Amino acid sequence: MRATVGDQLHVHSRVVGEAEHLGVILEVRGTDGEPPYLVRHPDGQETLVFPGPDAVVEPAPRV
């Protein structure tokens, strides 16, 4: 998994009825775009995330 600042981290739900989680990657702390990532969630909370196999990085639109 590789990401850059501004990409979106999308964590899919592993349980029926549980919401999926989205967040914007603010900082990439691993080498060459690898985790961990500092992520801002929609509620404004920022957490350090080590994404598992249920997560994907959705690239931000490049201008």
Protein backbone atom coordinates (compact mmCIF):
# COMPACT_ATOMS: atom_id res chain seq x y z
CA MET A 1 0.00 0.00 0.00
CA ARG A 2 1.35 3.40 -1.01
CA ALA A 3 -0.13 6.83 -0.42
CA THR A 4 0.65 10.52 -0.65
CA VAL A 5 -0.63 13.45 1.37
CA GLY A 6 -4.18 14.31 0.31
CA ASP A 7 -5.18 10.77 -0.65
CA GLN A 8 -8.18 9.25 1.06
CA LEU A 9 -7.95 6.16 3.24
CA HIS A 10 -11.07 4.01 2.89
CA VAL A 11 -11.52 1.25 5.46
CA HIS A 12 -14.24 -1.18 4.45
CA SER A 13 -16.59 -2.58 7.07
CA ARG A 14 -15.90 -6.12 8.24
CA VAL A 15 -19.31 -6.50 9.88
CA VAL A 16 -22.74 -6.24 8.28
CA GLY A 17 -24.39 -3.01 9.36
CA GLU A 18 -21.15 -1.34 10.46
CA ALA A 19 -20.27 1.91 8.70
CA GLU A 20 -17.22 2.22 6.49
CA HIS A 21 -14.57 4.71 7.55
CA LEU A 22 -13.06 7.43 5.39
CA GLY A 23 -10.26 9.83 6.17
CA VAL A 24 -7.82 12.17 4.48
CA ILE A 25 -4.14 11.34 4.75
CA LEU A 26 -2.34 14.30 6.32
CA GLU A 27 1.09 12.76 6.72
CA VAL A 28 2.90 9.66 5.47
CA ARG A 29 5.30 8.40 8.13
CA GLY A 30 6.57 5.28 6.38
CA THR A 31 9.16 5.14 3.62
CA ASP A 32 8.14 5.41 -0.05
CA GLY A 33 4.48 6.11 0.75
CA GLU A 34 4.02 3.16 3.05
CA PRO A 35 2.15 3.19 6.39
CA PRO A 36 1.69 4.39 9.04
CA TYR A 37 -0.44 7.38 8.03
CA LEU A 38 -1.68 10.32 10.04
CA VAL A 39 -5.35 10.54 9.04
CA ARG A 40 -8.04 13.18 9.67
CA HIS A 41 -11.49 11.66 10.02
CA PRO A 42 -14.74 13.45 9.08
CA ASP A 43 -15.36 14.34 12.74
CA GLY A 44 -12.04 16.23 12.82
CA GLN A 45 -10.20 13.65 14.92
CA GLU A 46 -6.67 12.83 13.78
CA THR A 47 -5.20 9.37 14.39
CA LEU A 48 -2.14 7.39 13.39
CA VAL A 49 -3.34 4.48 11.26
CA PHE A 50 -1.63 1.20 10.38
CA PRO A 51 -4.15 0.02 7.75
CA GLY A 52 -5.04 -3.64 7.46
CA PRO A 53 -6.17 -5.71 4.48
CA ASP A 54 -9.65 -4.18 4.64
CA ALA A 55 -8.31 -0.72 3.69
CA VAL A 56 -7.55 0.88 0.34
CA VAL A 57 -5.96 4.18 -0.64
CA GLU A 58 -8.01 6.27 -3.04
CA PRO A 59 -5.76 8.76 -4.83
CA ALA A 60 -6.63 12.44 -4.59
CA PRO A 61 -7.33 14.17 -7.90
CA ARG A 62 -4.01 15.40 -9.31
CA VAL A 63 -3.90 18.83 -10.90
